[in-house]
Amino acid sequence: MKSLIVDDELTSRELLTMILKAYGPVDTAADGLGGLKAFNLALDREPFDLIMLDIMLPRMDGQQVLKAIRRIEQERGVVGLEQVKIVMISALGDFSNVSQAFASACTSYLTKPILADKVQAELARLGFRV
């Protein structure tokens, strides 16, 4: 499993990297534009299987990144189970943010704080195994 973590908080990126590296290679980005660039670069070589995407990001927020990724996938004919699994991660657990993320086709949504067992349980639910 190849993963991308997009989060502006260094501590969150480090914690998620520690969790996800047991599953395979992990790339990181500290802002939305960097995350979108990493996604595009990987799409042509070895696409990501999973993106952990924060909502509150500089330069381009996570909701915008999510929409852009799904639009790019649609333009390239990547649909259904072929799409990258995107787990939104945010301190924002309000109905508006959660519903907007699912309306834009996120795979799942976890609220911060990031807890290893919560992330691992979600990965298992999505079919990822160590």
C-alpha atoms as a PDB file:
ATOM      1  CA  MET A   1       0.000   0.000   0.000  1.00  0.00           C
ATOM      2  CA  LYS A   2       1.409   3.352  -1.057  1.00  0.00           C
ATOM      3  CA  SER A   3       0.181   6.297   1.040  1.00  0.00           C
ATOM      4  CA  LEU A   4       0.182  10.072   0.925  1.00  0.00           C
ATOM      5  CA  ILE A   5      -0.326  12.185   4.050  1.00  0.00           C
ATOM      6  CA  VAL A   6      -1.402  15.784   3.469  1.00  0.00           C
ATOM      7  CA  ASP A   7      -1.387  17.730   6.732  1.00  0.00           C
ATOM      8  CA  ASP A   8       0.136  21.063   7.700  1.00  0.00           C
ATOM      9  CA  GLU A   9       0.855  19.919  11.267  1.00  0.00           C
ATOM     10  CA  LEU A  10       4.285  18.280  11.504  1.00  0.00           C
ATOM     11  CA  THR A  11       3.245  16.229  14.542  1.00  0.00           C
ATOM     12  CA  SER A  12       0.249  14.796  12.671  1.00  0.00           C
ATOM     13  CA  ARG A  13       2.395  13.939   9.633  1.00  0.00           C
ATOM     14  CA  GLU A  14       4.964  12.214  11.833  1.00  0.00           C
ATOM     15  CA  LEU A  15       2.362  10.224  13.773  1.00  0.00           C
ATOM     16  CA  LEU A  16       0.541   9.136  10.619  1.00  0.00           C
ATOM     17  CA  THR A  17       3.858   8.231   8.976  1.00  0.00           C
ATOM     18  CA  MET A  18       4.755   6.004  11.940  1.00  0.00           C
ATOM     19  CA  ILE A  19       1.399   4.234  11.625  1.00  0.00           C
ATOM     20  CA  LEU A  20       1.308   3.919   7.833  1.00  0.00           C
ATOM     21  CA  LYS A  21       4.922   2.897   7.190  1.00  0.00           C
ATOM     22  CA  ALA A  22       4.055  -0.587   8.478  1.00  0.00           C
ATOM     23  CA  TYR A  23       1.750  -0.887   5.431  1.00  0.00           C
ATOM     24  CA  GLY A  24       4.198   0.363   2.801  1.00  0.00           C
ATOM     25  CA  PRO A  25       5.851   3.503   1.405  1.00  0.00           C
ATOM     26  CA  VAL A  26       4.613   6.871   2.672  1.00  0.00           C
ATOM     27  CA  ASP A  27       4.932  10.323   1.094  1.00  0.00           C
ATOM     28  CA  THR A  28       3.940  13.558   2.796  1.00  0.00           C
ATOM     29  CA  ALA A  29       2.913  17.083   1.882  1.00  0.00           C
ATOM     30  CA  ALA A  30       2.472  20.084   4.175  1.00  0.00           C
ATOM     31  CA  ASP A  31      -0.163  21.935   2.153  1.00  0.00           C
ATOM     32  CA  GLY A  32      -2.966  21.335  -0.298  1.00  0.00           C
ATOM     33  CA  LEU A  33      -1.087  22.310  -3.453  1.00  0.00           C
ATOM     34  CA  GLY A  34       1.822  20.068  -2.485  1.00  0.00           C
ATOM     35  CA  GLY A  35      -0.581  17.187  -1.892  1.00  0.00           C
ATOM     36  CA  LEU A  36      -2.261  17.689  -5.255  1.00  0.00           C
ATOM     37  CA  LYS A  37       1.130  17.856  -6.979  1.00  0.00           C
ATOM     38  CA  ALA A  38       2.246  14.604  -5.285  1.00  0.00           C
ATOM     39  CA  PHE A  39      -1.005  12.923  -6.345  1.00  0.00           C
ATOM     40  CA  ASN A  40      -0.535  14.017  -9.969  1.00  0.00           C
ATOM     41  CA  LEU A  41       3.098  12.894 -10.107  1.00  0.00           C
ATOM     42  CA  ALA A  42       2.259   9.483  -8.664  1.00  0.00           C
ATOM     43  CA  LEU A  43      -0.744   9.009 -10.953  1.00  0.00           C
ATOM     44  CA  ASP A  44       1.499   8.667 -13.980  1.00  0.00           C
ATOM     45  CA  ARG A  45       3.936   6.239 -12.315  1.00  0.00           C
ATOM     46  CA  GLU A  46       2.667   4.373  -9.271  1.00  0.00           C
ATOM     47  CA  PRO A  47      -0.633   5.770  -7.950  1.00  0.00           C
ATOM     48  CA  PHE A  48      -1.345   6.086  -4.260  1.00  0.00           C
ATOM     49  CA  ASP A  49      -3.640   3.518  -2.680  1.00  0.00           C
ATOM     50  CA  LEU A  50      -4.513   5.813   0.224  1.00  0.00           C
ATOM     51  CA  ILE A  51      -4.503   9.536   0.940  1.00  0.00           C
ATOM     52  CA  MET A  52      -4.904  10.846   4.481  1.00  0.00           C
ATOM     53  CA  LEU A  53      -6.120  14.402   3.878  1.00  0.00           C
ATOM     54  CA  ASP A  54      -6.538  17.167   6.439  1.00  0.00           C
ATOM     55  CA  ILE A  55      -9.245  19.759   5.774  1.00  0.00           C
ATOM     56  CA  MET A  56      -7.622  22.896   7.159  1.00  0.00           C
ATOM     57  CA  LEU A  57      -4.593  23.354   4.919  1.00  0.00           C
ATOM     58  CA  PRO A  58      -2.710  26.380   3.600  1.00  0.00           C
ATOM     59  CA  ARG A  59      -2.730  27.340  -0.095  1.00  0.00           C
ATOM     60  CA  MET A  60      -5.612  24.951  -0.924  1.00  0.00           C
ATOM     61  CA  ASP A  61      -7.904  23.369   1.664  1.00  0.00           C
ATOM     62  CA  GLY A  62      -8.584  19.658   1.891  1.00  0.00           C
ATOM     63  CA  GLN A  63     -12.120  19.946   0.499  1.00  0.00           C
ATOM     64  CA  GLN A  64     -10.695  21.613  -2.638  1.00  0.00           C
ATOM     65  CA  VAL A  65      -7.950  18.988  -2.933  1.00  0.00           C
ATOM     66  CA  LEU A  66     -10.527  16.200  -2.626  1.00  0.00           C
ATOM     67  CA  LYS A  67     -12.667  17.692  -5.398  1.00  0.00           C
ATOM     68  CA  ALA A  68      -9.628  18.213  -7.630  1.00  0.00           C
ATOM     69  CA  ILE A  69      -8.444  14.615  -7.165  1.00  0.00           C
ATOM     70  CA  ARG A  70     -11.870  13.177  -7.974  1.00  0.00           C
ATOM     71  CA  ARG A  71     -12.155  15.447 -11.029  1.00  0.00           C
ATOM     72  CA  ILE A  72      -8.719  14.321 -12.294  1.00  0.00           C
ATOM     73  CA  GLU A  73      -9.629  10.677 -11.755  1.00  0.00           C
ATOM     74  CA  GLN A  74     -12.910  11.146 -13.635  1.00  0.00           C
ATOM     75  CA  GLU A  75     -11.119  12.842 -16.549  1.00  0.00           C
ATOM     76  CA  ARG A  76      -8.707   9.892 -16.735  1.00  0.00           C
ATOM     77  CA  GLY A  77     -11.460   7.282 -16.487  1.00  0.00           C
ATOM     78  CA  VAL A  78     -10.434   6.142 -13.020  1.00  0.00           C
ATOM     79  CA  VAL A  79     -13.700   5.204 -11.342  1.00  0.00           C
ATOM     80  CA  GLY A  80     -15.155   3.053  -8.576  1.00  0.00           C
ATOM     81  CA  LEU A  81     -12.772   0.694  -6.847  1.00  0.00           C
ATOM     82  CA  GLU A  82      -9.865   1.976  -8.965  1.00  0.00           C
ATOM     83  CA  GLN A  83     -10.061   5.384  -7.258  1.00  0.00           C
ATOM     84  CA  VAL A  84      -7.632   6.237  -4.487  1.00  0.00           C
ATOM     85  CA  LYS A  85      -9.122   5.811  -1.034  1.00  0.00           C
ATOM     86  CA  ILE A  86      -9.229   9.225   0.638  1.00  0.00           C
ATOM     87  CA  VAL A  87      -9.629   9.468   4.395  1.00  0.00           C
ATOM     88  CA  MET A  88     -10.367  12.996   5.534  1.00  0.00           C
ATOM     89  CA  ILE A  89      -8.798  13.850   8.876  1.00  0.00           C
ATOM     90  CA  SER A  90      -9.828  16.967  10.724  1.00  0.00           C
ATOM     91  CA  ALA A  91     -10.596  18.567  14.040  1.00  0.00           C
ATOM     92  CA  LEU A  92     -13.766  19.704  12.267  1.00  0.00           C
ATOM     93  CA  GLY A  93     -16.367  17.048  12.973  1.00  0.00           C
ATOM     94  CA  ASP A  94     -19.391  19.223  12.297  1.00  0.00           C
ATOM     95  CA  PHE A  95     -22.153  18.066   9.974  1.00  0.00           C
ATOM     96  CA  SER A  96     -21.337  20.646   7.295  1.00  0.00           C
ATOM     97  CA  ASN A  97     -17.716  19.600   6.834  1.00  0.00           C
ATOM     98  CA  VAL A  98     -18.423  15.875   7.070  1.00  0.00           C
ATOM     99  CA  SER A  99     -21.339  15.990   4.624  1.00  0.00           C
ATOM    100  CA  GLN A 100     -19.383  18.171   2.192  1.00  0.00           C
ATOM    101  CA  ALA A 101     -16.492  15.683   2.234  1.00  0.00           C
ATOM    102  CA  PHE A 102     -18.773  12.716   1.553  1.00  0.00           C
ATOM    103  CA  ALA A 103     -20.629  14.668  -1.153  1.00  0.00           C
ATOM    104  CA  SER A 104     -17.239  15.094  -2.838  1.00  0.00           C
ATOM    105  CA  ALA A 105     -16.645  11.327  -2.617  1.00  0.00           C
ATOM    106  CA  CYS A 106     -14.223  10.925   0.255  1.00  0.00           C
ATOM    107  CA  THR A 107     -13.923   7.303   1.346  1.00  0.00           C
ATOM    108  CA  SER A 108     -14.134   7.984   5.070  1.00  0.00           C
ATOM    109  CA  TYR A 109     -13.710  10.678   7.706  1.00  0.00           C
ATOM    110  CA  LEU A 110     -11.804  10.606  10.986  1.00  0.00           C
ATOM    111  CA  THR A 111     -11.789  13.376  13.568  1.00  0.00           C
ATOM    112  CA  LYS A 112      -8.661  14.447  15.409  1.00  0.00           C
ATOM    113  CA  PRO A 113      -6.943  13.704  17.678  1.00  0.00           C
ATOM    114  CA  ILE A 114      -5.203  11.038  15.645  1.00  0.00           C
ATOM    115  CA  LEU A 115      -5.120   7.773  17.559  1.00  0.00           C
ATOM    116  CA  ALA A 116      -3.182   4.816  16.187  1.00  0.00           C
ATOM    117  CA  ASP A 117      -5.866   2.259  17.010  1.00  0.00           C
ATOM    118  CA  LYS A 118      -8.566   4.400  15.371  1.00  0.00           C
ATOM    119  CA  VAL A 119      -6.489   4.788  12.187  1.00  0.00           C
ATOM    120  CA  GLN A 120      -5.582   1.089  12.101  1.00  0.00           C
ATOM    121  CA  ALA A 121      -9.223   0.082  12.580  1.00  0.00           C
ATOM    122  CA  GLU A 122     -10.241   2.339   9.690  1.00  0.00           C
ATOM    123  CA  LEU A 123      -7.496   0.919   7.460  1.00  0.00           C
ATOM    124  CA  ALA A 124      -8.665  -2.609   8.268  1.00  0.00           C
ATOM    125  CA  ARG A 125     -12.263  -1.593   7.464  1.00  0.00           C
ATOM    126  CA  LEU A 126     -11.024  -0.332   4.091  1.00  0.00           C
ATOM    127  CA  GLY A 127      -9.285  -3.641   3.414  1.00  0.00           C
ATOM    128  CA  PHE A 128      -5.676  -2.649   4.095  1.00  0.00           C
ATOM    129  CA  ARG A 129      -3.555  -5.139   6.019  1.00  0.00           C
ATOM    130  CA  VAL A 130      -0.048  -4.950   7.450  1.00  0.00           C
END
